[in-house]
Amino acid sequence: GIRGCLTYWSGTLSEEASDCELYLNEKAGWYLSKMQHCPSKGRLLEL
């Protein structure tokens, strides 16, 4: 369910060396991602 969002992006974003904050409130039915520095977009701008 919605917890799968936290599980999936926790793995992906750690391997991509992201600067981000992930929040999950399963009881209230929401998942929030606050990306401070997207590694993909950041990589492209560096290149």
All heavy atoms as atom14 arrays in JSON, in Angstrom:
{
  "sequence": "GIRGCLTYWSGTLSEEASDCELYLNEKAGWYLSKMQHCPSKGRLLEL",
  "atom14_mask": [
    [1, 1, 1, 1, 0, 0, 0, 0, 0, 0, 0, 0, 0, 0],
    [1, 1, 1, 1, 1, 1, 1, 1, 0, 0, 0, 0, 0, 0],
    [1, 1, 1, 1, 1, 1, 1, 1, 1, 1, 1, 0, 0, 0],
    [1, 1, 1, 1, 0, 0, 0, 0, 0, 0, 0, 0, 0, 0],
    [1, 1, 1, 1, 1, 1, 0, 0, 0, 0, 0, 0, 0, 0],
    [1, 1, 1, 1, 1, 1, 1, 1, 0, 0, 0, 0, 0, 0],
    [1, 1, 1, 1, 1, 1, 1, 0, 0, 0, 0, 0, 0, 0],
    [1, 1, 1, 1, 1, 1, 1, 1, 1, 1, 1, 1, 0, 0],
    [1, 1, 1, 1, 1, 1, 1, 1, 1, 1, 1, 1, 1, 1],
    [1, 1, 1, 1, 1, 1, 0, 0, 0, 0, 0, 0, 0, 0],
    [1, 1, 1, 1, 0, 0, 0, 0, 0, 0, 0, 0, 0, 0],
    [1, 1, 1, 1, 1, 1, 1, 0, 0, 0, 0, 0, 0, 0],
    [1, 1, 1, 1, 1, 1, 1, 1, 0, 0, 0, 0, 0, 0],
    [1, 1, 1, 1, 1, 1, 0, 0, 0, 0, 0, 0, 0, 0],
    [1, 1, 1, 1, 1, 1, 1, 1, 1, 0, 0, 0, 0, 0],
    [1, 1, 1, 1, 1, 1, 1, 1, 1, 0, 0, 0, 0, 0],
    [1, 1, 1, 1, 1, 0, 0, 0, 0, 0, 0, 0, 0, 0],
    [1, 1, 1, 1, 1, 1, 0, 0, 0, 0, 0, 0, 0, 0],
    [1, 1, 1, 1, 1, 1, 1, 1, 0, 0, 0, 0, 0, 0],
    [1, 1, 1, 1, 1, 1, 0, 0, 0, 0, 0, 0, 0, 0],
    [1, 1, 1, 1, 1, 1, 1, 1, 1, 0, 0, 0, 0, 0],
    [1, 1, 1, 1, 1, 1, 1, 1, 0, 0, 0, 0, 0, 0],
    [1, 1, 1, 1, 1, 1, 1, 1, 1, 1, 1, 1, 0, 0],
    [1, 1, 1, 1, 1, 1, 1, 1, 0, 0, 0, 0, 0, 0],
    [1, 1, 1, 1, 1, 1, 1, 1, 0, 0, 0, 0, 0, 0],
    [1, 1, 1, 1, 1, 1, 1, 1, 1, 0, 0, 0, 0, 0],
    [1, 1, 1, 1, 1, 1, 1, 1, 1, 0, 0, 0, 0, 0],
    [1, 1, 1, 1, 1, 0, 0, 0, 0, 0, 0, 0, 0, 0],
    [1, 1, 1, 1, 0, 0, 0, 0, 0, 0, 0, 0, 0, 0],
    [1, 1, 1, 1, 1, 1, 1, 1, 1, 1, 1, 1, 1, 1],
    [1, 1, 1, 1, 1, 1, 1, 1, 1, 1, 1, 1, 0, 0],
    [1, 1, 1, 1, 1, 1, 1, 1, 0, 0, 0, 0, 0, 0],
    [1, 1, 1, 1, 1, 1, 0, 0, 0, 0, 0, 0, 0, 0],
    [1, 1, 1, 1, 1, 1, 1, 1, 1, 0, 0, 0, 0, 0],
    [1, 1, 1, 1, 1, 1, 1, 1, 0, 0, 0, 0, 0, 0],
    [1, 1, 1, 1, 1, 1, 1, 1, 1, 0, 0, 0, 0, 0],
    [1, 1, 1, 1, 1, 1, 1, 1, 1, 1, 0, 0, 0, 0],
    [1, 1, 1, 1, 1, 1, 0, 0, 0, 0, 0, 0, 0, 0],
    [1, 1, 1, 1, 1, 1, 1, 0, 0, 0, 0, 0, 0, 0],
    [1, 1, 1, 1, 1, 1, 0, 0, 0, 0, 0, 0, 0, 0],
    [1, 1, 1, 1, 1, 1, 1, 1, 1, 0, 0, 0, 0, 0],
    [1, 1, 1, 1, 0, 0, 0, 0, 0, 0, 0, 0, 0, 0],
    [1, 1, 1, 1, 1, 1, 1, 1, 1, 1, 1, 0, 0, 0],
    [1, 1, 1, 1, 1, 1, 1, 1, 0, 0, 0, 0, 0, 0],
    [1, 1, 1, 1, 1, 1, 1, 1, 0, 0, 0, 0, 0, 0],
    [1, 1, 1, 1, 1, 1, 1, 1, 1, 0, 0, 0, 0, 0],
    [1, 1, 1, 1, 1, 1, 1, 1, 0, 0, 0, 0, 0, 0]
  ],
  "atom14_positions": [
    [[0.83, -1.2, 0.0], [0.0, 0.0, 0.0], [0.87, 1.25, 0.0], [1.97, 1.25, -0.54], [0.0, 0.0, 0.0], [0.0, 0.0, 0.0], [0.0, 0.0, 0.0], [0.0, 0.0, 0.0], [0.0, 0.0, 0.0], [0.0, 0.0, 0.0], [0.0, 0.0, 0.0], [0.0, 0.0, 0.0], [0.0, 0.0, 0.0], [0.0, 0.0, 0.0]],
    [[0.41, 2.31, 0.64], [1.13, 3.57, 0.61], [2.51, 3.45, 1.28], [3.43, 4.18, 0.95], [0.29, 4.69, 1.25], [0.85, 6.07, 0.83], [0.22, 4.54, 2.77], [-0.07, 7.22, 1.16], [0.0, 0.0, 0.0], [0.0, 0.0, 0.0], [0.0, 0.0, 0.0], [0.0, 0.0, 0.0], [0.0, 0.0, 0.0], [0.0, 0.0, 0.0]],
    [[2.66, 2.5, 2.21], [3.98, 2.27, 2.81], [5.0, 1.86, 1.76], [6.2, 2.11, 1.9], [3.89, 1.21, 3.9], [5.25, 0.8, 4.49], [5.12, -0.01, 5.74], [4.62, 0.81, 6.84], [5.38, 1.62, 7.58], [6.69, 1.7, 7.33], [4.86, 2.32, 8.54], [0.0, 0.0, 0.0], [0.0, 0.0, 0.0], [0.0, 0.0, 0.0]],
    [[4.54, 1.24, 0.68], [5.44, 0.84, -0.39], [6.17, 2.02, -1.01], [7.28, 1.85, -1.56], [0.0, 0.0, 0.0], [0.0, 0.0, 0.0], [0.0, 0.0, 0.0], [0.0, 0.0, 0.0], [0.0, 0.0, 0.0], [0.0, 0.0, 0.0], [0.0, 0.0, 0.0], [0.0, 0.0, 0.0], [0.0, 0.0, 0.0], [0.0, 0.0, 0.0]],
    [[5.57, 3.21, -0.95], [6.24, 4.41, -1.45], [7.51, 4.69, -0.65], [8.57, 4.97, -1.21], [5.31, 5.62, -1.38], [3.84, 5.52, -2.42], [0.0, 0.0, 0.0], [0.0, 0.0, 0.0], [0.0, 0.0, 0.0], [0.0, 0.0, 0.0], [0.0, 0.0, 0.0], [0.0, 0.0, 0.0], [0.0, 0.0, 0.0], [0.0, 0.0, 0.0]],
    [[7.39, 4.59, 0.67], [8.54, 4.83, 1.54], [9.6, 3.75, 1.31], [10.8, 4.06, 1.22], [8.11, 4.84, 3.0], [9.22, 5.12, 4.02], [9.78, 6.52, 3.84], [8.69, 4.94, 5.45], [0.0, 0.0, 0.0], [0.0, 0.0, 0.0], [0.0, 0.0, 0.0], [0.0, 0.0, 0.0], [0.0, 0.0, 0.0], [0.0, 0.0, 0.0]],
    [[9.17, 2.5, 1.2], [10.11, 1.41, 0.98], [10.85, 1.57, -0.33], [12.08, 1.46, -0.39], [9.38, 0.05, 1.0], [8.64, -0.09, 2.21], [10.36, -1.09, 0.86], [0.0, 0.0, 0.0], [0.0, 0.0, 0.0], [0.0, 0.0, 0.0], [0.0, 0.0, 0.0], [0.0, 0.0, 0.0], [0.0, 0.0, 0.0], [0.0, 0.0, 0.0]],
    [[10.1, 1.84, -1.4], [10.7, 1.95, -2.74], [11.66, 3.13, -2.83], [12.82, 2.97, -3.22], [9.6, 2.09, -3.8], [10.13, 2.46, -5.17], [10.84, 1.52, -5.93], [9.94, 3.74, -5.7], [11.33, 1.86, -7.19], [10.44, 4.07, -6.95], [11.13, 3.14, -7.68], [11.64, 3.46, -8.92], [0.0, 0.0, 0.0], [0.0, 0.0, 0.0]],
    [[11.2, 4.31, -2.44], [12.05, 5.49, -2.62], [13.18, 5.55, -1.6], [14.21, 6.16, -1.86], [11.21, 6.76, -2.62], [10.73, 7.1, -4.0], [11.5, 7.42, -5.08], [9.37, 7.12, -4.47], [10.72, 7.64, -6.19], [9.42, 7.48, -5.85], [8.14, 6.9, -3.87], [8.26, 7.61, -6.62], [7.0, 7.02, -4.65], [7.06, 7.38, -6.0]],
    [[13.03, 4.91, -0.47], [14.14, 4.86, 0.48], [15.33, 4.13, -0.15], [16.48, 4.56, -0.04], [13.74, 4.15, 1.77], [12.84, 4.93, 2.52], [0.0, 0.0, 0.0], [0.0, 0.0, 0.0], [0.0, 0.0, 0.0], [0.0, 0.0, 0.0], [0.0, 0.0, 0.0], [0.0, 0.0, 0.0], [0.0, 0.0, 0.0], [0.0, 0.0, 0.0]],
    [[15.05, 3.03, -0.83], [16.12, 2.3, -1.5], [16.69, 3.04, -2.67], [17.92, 3.19, -2.81], [0.0, 0.0, 0.0], [0.0, 0.0, 0.0], [0.0, 0.0, 0.0], [0.0, 0.0, 0.0], [0.0, 0.0, 0.0], [0.0, 0.0, 0.0], [0.0, 0.0, 0.0], [0.0, 0.0, 0.0], [0.0, 0.0, 0.0], [0.0, 0.0, 0.0]],
    [[15.82, 3.56, -3.52], [16.25, 4.25, -4.73], [17.03, 5.52, -4.42], [18.12, 5.76, -4.95], [15.03, 4.59, -5.6], [14.4, 3.38, -6.03], [15.45, 5.39, -6.82], [0.0, 0.0, 0.0], [0.0, 0.0, 0.0], [0.0, 0.0, 0.0], [0.0, 0.0, 0.0], [0.0, 0.0, 0.0], [0.0, 0.0, 0.0], [0.0, 0.0, 0.0]],
    [[16.48, 6.34, -3.53], [17.09, 7.64, -3.27], [18.38, 7.54, -2.47], [19.26, 8.4, -2.57], [16.08, 8.56, -2.57], [14.87, 8.93, -3.43], [13.87, 9.76, -2.64], [15.3, 9.68, -4.69], [0.0, 0.0, 0.0], [0.0, 0.0, 0.0], [0.0, 0.0, 0.0], [0.0, 0.0, 0.0], [0.0, 0.0, 0.0], [0.0, 0.0, 0.0]],
    [[18.51, 6.48, -1.67], [19.79, 6.29, -0.98], [20.86, 5.87, -1.97], [22.01, 6.34, -1.91], [19.65, 5.25, 0.14], [19.31, 3.98, -0.38], [0.0, 0.0, 0.0], [0.0, 0.0, 0.0], [0.0, 0.0, 0.0], [0.0, 0.0, 0.0], [0.0, 0.0, 0.0], [0.0, 0.0, 0.0], [0.0, 0.0, 0.0], [0.0, 0.0, 0.0]],
    [[20.51, 5.0, -2.93], [21.48, 4.57, -3.94], [21.84, 5.69, -4.9], [22.92, 5.7, -5.48], [20.94, 3.36, -4.71], [20.86, 2.09, -3.88], [20.38, 0.89, -4.68], [20.01, 1.07, -5.86], [20.38, -0.22, -4.12], [0.0, 0.0, 0.0], [0.0, 0.0, 0.0], [0.0, 0.0, 0.0], [0.0, 0.0, 0.0], [0.0, 0.0, 0.0]],
    [[20.93, 6.64, -5.08], [21.2, 7.79, -5.95], [21.87, 8.93, -5.2], [22.1, 10.0, -5.78], [19.9, 8.27, -6.59], [19.3, 7.31, -7.58], [18.1, 7.89, -8.29], [18.21, 9.01, -8.83], [17.04, 7.24, -8.3], [0.0, 0.0, 0.0], [0.0, 0.0, 0.0], [0.0, 0.0, 0.0], [0.0, 0.0, 0.0], [0.0, 0.0, 0.0]],
    [[22.18, 8.73, -3.93], [22.87, 9.75, -3.11], [22.11, 11.07, -3.12], [22.65, 12.13, -3.44], [24.3, 9.94, -3.6], [0.0, 0.0, 0.0], [0.0, 0.0, 0.0], [0.0, 0.0, 0.0], [0.0, 0.0, 0.0], [0.0, 0.0, 0.0], [0.0, 0.0, 0.0], [0.0, 0.0, 0.0], [0.0, 0.0, 0.0], [0.0, 0.0, 0.0]],
    [[20.85, 11.0, -2.72], [19.99, 12.18, -2.7], [20.13, 12.98, -1.41], [20.52, 12.45, -0.37], [18.52, 11.75, -2.84], [18.31, 10.96, -3.97], [0.0, 0.0, 0.0], [0.0, 0.0, 0.0], [0.0, 0.0, 0.0], [0.0, 0.0, 0.0], [0.0, 0.0, 0.0], [0.0, 0.0, 0.0], [0.0, 0.0, 0.0], [0.0, 0.0, 0.0]],
    [[19.79, 14.25, -1.51], [19.55, 15.08, -0.34], [18.04, 15.25, -0.24], [17.45, 16.03, -1.0], [20.22, 16.45, -0.49], [21.72, 16.37, -0.21], [22.08, 15.95, 0.9], [22.51, 16.73, -1.09], [0.0, 0.0, 0.0], [0.0, 0.0, 0.0], [0.0, 0.0, 0.0], [0.0, 0.0, 0.0], [0.0, 0.0, 0.0], [0.0, 0.0, 0.0]],
    [[17.41, 14.53, 0.67], [15.95, 14.59, 0.72], [15.45, 14.16, 2.09], [16.17, 13.57, 2.9], [15.34, 13.71, -0.36], [15.68, 11.95, -0.15], [0.0, 0.0, 0.0], [0.0, 0.0, 0.0], [0.0, 0.0, 0.0], [0.0, 0.0, 0.0], [0.0, 0.0, 0.0], [0.0, 0.0, 0.0], [0.0, 0.0, 0.0], [0.0, 0.0, 0.0]],
    [[14.18, 14.47, 2.31], [13.47, 14.07, 3.51], [12.19, 13.36, 3.09], [11.44, 13.85, 2.24], [13.12, 15.3, 4.36], [14.34, 16.09, 4.81], [13.95, 17.45, 5.36], [12.75, 17.71, 5.54], [14.86, 18.27, 5.6], [0.0, 0.0, 0.0], [0.0, 0.0, 0.0], [0.0, 0.0, 0.0], [0.0, 0.0, 0.0], [0.0, 0.0, 0.0]],
    [[11.96, 12.17, 3.66], [10.77, 11.39, 3.36], [9.94, 11.24, 4.62], [10.47, 10.99, 5.7], [11.16, 10.0, 2.83], [12.12, 9.94, 1.64], [12.37, 8.49, 1.25], [11.6, 10.73, 0.47], [0.0, 0.0, 0.0], [0.0, 0.0, 0.0], [0.0, 0.0, 0.0], [0.0, 0.0, 0.0], [0.0, 0.0, 0.0], [0.0, 0.0, 0.0]],
    [[8.63, 11.4, 4.47], [7.72, 11.3, 5.61], [6.55, 10.38, 5.23], [6.03, 10.44, 4.11], [7.16, 12.68, 5.98], [8.2, 13.73, 6.27], [8.66, 14.57, 5.25], [8.73, 13.89, 7.54], [9.62, 15.54, 5.5], [9.69, 14.85, 7.81], [10.13, 15.68, 6.78], [11.09, 16.64, 7.03], [0.0, 0.0, 0.0], [0.0, 0.0, 0.0]],
    [[6.15, 9.56, 6.17], [4.99, 8.69, 5.97], [4.09, 8.73, 7.2], [4.56, 8.55, 8.32], [5.44, 7.24, 5.72], [4.31, 6.2, 5.67], [3.48, 6.4, 4.4], [4.87, 4.78, 5.74], [0.0, 0.0, 0.0], [0.0, 0.0, 0.0], [0.0, 0.0, 0.0], [0.0, 0.0, 0.0], [0.0, 0.0, 0.0], [0.0, 0.0, 0.0]],
    [[2.81, 8.98, 6.97], [1.81, 8.84, 8.02], [0.76, 7.88, 7.48], [-0.19, 8.29, 6.81], [1.2, 10.19, 8.39], [0.39, 10.11, 9.67], [-0.39, 9.18, 9.87], [0.55, 11.1, 10.55], [0.0, 0.0, 0.0], [0.0, 0.0, 0.0], [0.0, 0.0, 0.0], [0.0, 0.0, 0.0], [0.0, 0.0, 0.0], [0.0, 0.0, 0.0]],
    [[0.99, 6.62, 7.74], [0.13, 5.58, 7.19], [-1.29, 5.7, 7.72], [-2.26, 5.49, 6.98], [0.73, 4.22, 7.55], [0.36, 3.11, 6.61], [1.2, 1.85, 6.83], [2.03, 1.83, 7.75], [1.0, 0.9, 6.06], [0.0, 0.0, 0.0], [0.0, 0.0, 0.0], [0.0, 0.0, 0.0], [0.0, 0.0, 0.0], [0.0, 0.0, 0.0]],
    [[-1.43, 6.06, 8.98], [-2.76, 6.19, 9.58], [-3.56, 7.29, 8.93], [-4.78, 7.15, 8.69], [-2.62, 6.45, 11.09], [-3.96, 6.51, 11.82], [-3.76, 6.68, 13.32], [-5.09, 6.71, 14.05], [-4.91, 6.87, 15.52], [0.0, 0.0, 0.0], [0.0, 0.0, 0.0], [0.0, 0.0, 0.0], [0.0, 0.0, 0.0], [0.0, 0.0, 0.0]],
    [[-2.9, 8.41, 8.61], [-3.58, 9.54, 7.98], [-3.6, 9.43, 6.46], [-4.2, 10.28, 5.78], [-2.9, 10.84, 8.39], [0.0, 0.0, 0.0], [0.0, 0.0, 0.0], [0.0, 0.0, 0.0], [0.0, 0.0, 0.0], [0.0, 0.0, 0.0], [0.0, 0.0, 0.0], [0.0, 0.0, 0.0], [0.0, 0.0, 0.0], [0.0, 0.0, 0.0]],
    [[-2.93, 8.43, 5.91], [-3.01, 8.17, 4.48], [-2.19, 9.07, 3.59], [-2.63, 9.38, 2.48], [0.0, 0.0, 0.0], [0.0, 0.0, 0.0], [0.0, 0.0, 0.0], [0.0, 0.0, 0.0], [0.0, 0.0, 0.0], [0.0, 0.0, 0.0], [0.0, 0.0, 0.0], [0.0, 0.0, 0.0], [0.0, 0.0, 0.0], [0.0, 0.0, 0.0]],
    [[-0.98, 9.48, 4.05], [-0.15, 10.32, 3.17], [1.33, 9.99, 3.26], [1.81, 9.48, 4.27], [-0.37, 11.81, 3.44], [-0.09, 12.29, 4.85], [-0.99, 12.45, 5.85], [1.18, 12.69, 5.39], [-0.38, 12.92, 6.99], [0.95, 13.08, 6.74], [2.48, 12.74, 4.9], [1.99, 13.52, 7.58], [3.52, 13.17, 5.73], [3.26, 13.56, 7.04]],
    [[2.03, 10.29, 2.16], [3.47, 10.14, 2.06], [4.0, 11.42, 1.42], [3.48, 11.87, 0.38], [3.83, 8.93, 1.18], [5.26, 8.92, 0.67], [6.3, 8.41, 1.45], [5.57, 9.42, -0.6], [7.61, 8.4, 0.98], [6.88, 9.41, -1.08], [7.88, 8.91, -0.28], [9.17, 8.91, -0.76], [0.0, 0.0, 0.0], [0.0, 0.0, 0.0]],
    [[5.01, 12.02, 2.02], [5.55, 13.29, 1.54], [7.05, 13.17, 1.27], [7.8, 12.65, 2.11], [5.32, 14.4, 2.58], [5.9, 15.79, 2.27], [5.23, 16.4, 1.05], [5.75, 16.7, 3.49], [0.0, 0.0, 0.0], [0.0, 0.0, 0.0], [0.0, 0.0, 0.0], [0.0, 0.0, 0.0], [0.0, 0.0, 0.0], [0.0, 0.0, 0.0]],
    [[7.47, 13.64, 0.11], [8.88, 13.68, -0.25], [9.29, 15.13, -0.46], [8.66, 15.85, -1.24], [9.13, 12.87, -1.53], [10.42, 13.1, -2.04], [0.0, 0.0, 0.0], [0.0, 0.0, 0.0], [0.0, 0.0, 0.0], [0.0, 0.0, 0.0], [0.0, 0.0, 0.0], [0.0, 0.0, 0.0], [0.0, 0.0, 0.0], [0.0, 0.0, 0.0]],
    [[10.34, 15.54, 0.23], [10.89, 16.9, 0.05], [12.33, 16.75, -0.42], [13.23, 16.45, 0.36], [10.8, 17.68, 1.36], [9.37, 17.92, 1.84], [9.34, 18.57, 3.22], [9.87, 19.98, 3.18], [9.75, 20.64, 4.51], [0.0, 0.0, 0.0], [0.0, 0.0, 0.0], [0.0, 0.0, 0.0], [0.0, 0.0, 0.0], [0.0, 0.0, 0.0]],
    [[12.52, 16.94, -1.71], [13.84, 16.79, -2.32], [14.58, 18.12, -2.27], [14.16, 19.1, -2.9], [13.69, 16.32, -3.77], [15.0, 16.04, -4.47], [15.75, 14.49, -3.95], [14.61, 13.32, -4.7], [0.0, 0.0, 0.0], [0.0, 0.0, 0.0], [0.0, 0.0, 0.0], [0.0, 0.0, 0.0], [0.0, 0.0, 0.0], [0.0, 0.0, 0.0]],
    [[15.68, 18.15, -1.53], [16.5, 19.36, -1.47], [17.41, 19.46, -2.69], [17.67, 20.56, -3.19], [17.34, 19.37, -0.19], [16.57, 19.08, 1.07], [15.47, 20.08, 1.33], [15.56, 21.23, 0.91], [14.43, 19.66, 2.02], [0.0, 0.0, 0.0], [0.0, 0.0, 0.0], [0.0, 0.0, 0.0], [0.0, 0.0, 0.0], [0.0, 0.0, 0.0]],
    [[17.89, 18.3, -3.14], [18.78, 18.27, -4.3], [18.57, 16.97, -5.04], [19.01, 15.91, -4.58], [20.25, 18.4, -3.87], [21.22, 18.39, -5.01], [21.47, 19.5, -5.78], [21.98, 17.39, -5.52], [22.36, 19.2, -6.71], [22.68, 17.93, -6.58], [0.0, 0.0, 0.0], [0.0, 0.0, 0.0], [0.0, 0.0, 0.0], [0.0, 0.0, 0.0]],
    [[17.87, 17.03, -6.17], [17.63, 15.84, -6.97], [18.95, 15.4, -7.61], [19.58, 16.18, -8.34], [16.6, 16.13, -8.05], [16.43, 14.79, -9.26], [0.0, 0.0, 0.0], [0.0, 0.0, 0.0], [0.0, 0.0, 0.0], [0.0, 0.0, 0.0], [0.0, 0.0, 0.0], [0.0, 0.0, 0.0], [0.0, 0.0, 0.0], [0.0, 0.0, 0.0]],
    [[19.4, 14.18, -7.38], [20.68, 13.75, -7.93], [20.68, 13.68, -9.45], [21.71, 13.93, -10.08], [20.89, 12.37, -7.31], [19.5, 11.91, -6.97], [18.75, 13.13, -6.59], [0.0, 0.0, 0.0], [0.0, 0.0, 0.0], [0.0, 0.0, 0.0], [0.0, 0.0, 0.0], [0.0, 0.0, 0.0], [0.0, 0.0, 0.0], [0.0, 0.0, 0.0]],
    [[19.54, 13.34, -10.04], [19.46, 13.26, -11.49], [19.57, 14.65, -12.13], [20.4, 14.88, -13.01], [18.16, 12.59, -11.93], [18.09, 11.27, -11.47], [0.0, 0.0, 0.0], [0.0, 0.0, 0.0], [0.0, 0.0, 0.0], [0.0, 0.0, 0.0], [0.0, 0.0, 0.0], [0.0, 0.0, 0.0], [0.0, 0.0, 0.0], [0.0, 0.0, 0.0]],
    [[18.74, 15.56, -11.69], [18.77, 16.92, -12.24], [20.1, 17.58, -11.89], [20.7, 18.29, -12.73], [17.61, 17.73, -11.66], [17.46, 19.12, -12.27], [17.07, 19.04, -13.73], [16.78, 20.43, -14.3], [15.59, 21.03, -13.69], [0.0, 0.0, 0.0], [0.0, 0.0, 0.0], [0.0, 0.0, 0.0], [0.0, 0.0, 0.0], [0.0, 0.0, 0.0]],
    [[20.58, 17.35, -10.68], [21.86, 17.93, -10.28], [22.99, 17.43, -11.15], [23.88, 18.2, -11.54], [0.0, 0.0, 0.0], [0.0, 0.0, 0.0], [0.0, 0.0, 0.0], [0.0, 0.0, 0.0], [0.0, 0.0, 0.0], [0.0, 0.0, 0.0], [0.0, 0.0, 0.0], [0.0, 0.0, 0.0], [0.0, 0.0, 0.0], [0.0, 0.0, 0.0]],
    [[22.96, 16.13, -11.47], [23.99, 15.54, -12.33], [23.97, 16.19, -13.7], [25.03, 16.51, -14.27], [23.74, 14.05, -12.44], [24.64, 13.3, -13.42], [26.01, 13.11, -12.88], [26.79, 12.21, -13.72], [28.09, 12.3, -13.88], [28.78, 13.23, -13.27], [28.74, 11.44, -14.65], [0.0, 0.0, 0.0], [0.0, 0.0, 0.0], [0.0, 0.0, 0.0]],
    [[22.79, 16.39, -14.26], [22.69, 17.0, -15.58], [23.2, 18.43, -15.58], [23.88, 18.86, -16.53], [21.24, 16.96, -16.06], [20.69, 15.58, -16.45], [19.21, 15.68, -16.79], [21.48, 15.0, -17.62], [0.0, 0.0, 0.0], [0.0, 0.0, 0.0], [0.0, 0.0, 0.0], [0.0, 0.0, 0.0], [0.0, 0.0, 0.0], [0.0, 0.0, 0.0]],
    [[22.89, 19.18, -14.55], [23.36, 20.57, -14.49], [24.88, 20.62, -14.31], [25.54, 21.52, -14.87], [22.65, 21.31, -13.35], [21.14, 21.51, -13.54], [20.53, 22.2, -12.32], [20.85, 22.33, -14.8], [0.0, 0.0, 0.0], [0.0, 0.0, 0.0], [0.0, 0.0, 0.0], [0.0, 0.0, 0.0], [0.0, 0.0, 0.0], [0.0, 0.0, 0.0]],
    [[25.43, 19.67, -13.57], [26.89, 19.61, -13.43], [27.54, 19.29, -14.77], [28.56, 19.89, -15.15], [27.27, 18.53, -12.41], [26.96, 18.89, -10.97], [27.23, 17.72, -10.03], [27.79, 16.7, -10.51], [26.88, 17.82, -8.85], [0.0, 0.0, 0.0], [0.0, 0.0, 0.0], [0.0, 0.0, 0.0], [0.0, 0.0, 0.0], [0.0, 0.0, 0.0]],
    [[26.96, 18.35, -15.51], [27.53, 17.97, -16.79], [27.38, 19.08, -17.83], [28.2, 19.2, -18.74], [26.87, 16.69, -17.3], [27.23, 15.42, -16.52], [26.4, 14.24, -17.01], [28.71, 15.11, -16.65], [0.0, 0.0, 0.0], [0.0, 0.0, 0.0], [0.0, 0.0, 0.0], [0.0, 0.0, 0.0], [0.0, 0.0, 0.0], [0.0, 0.0, 0.0]]
  ]
}
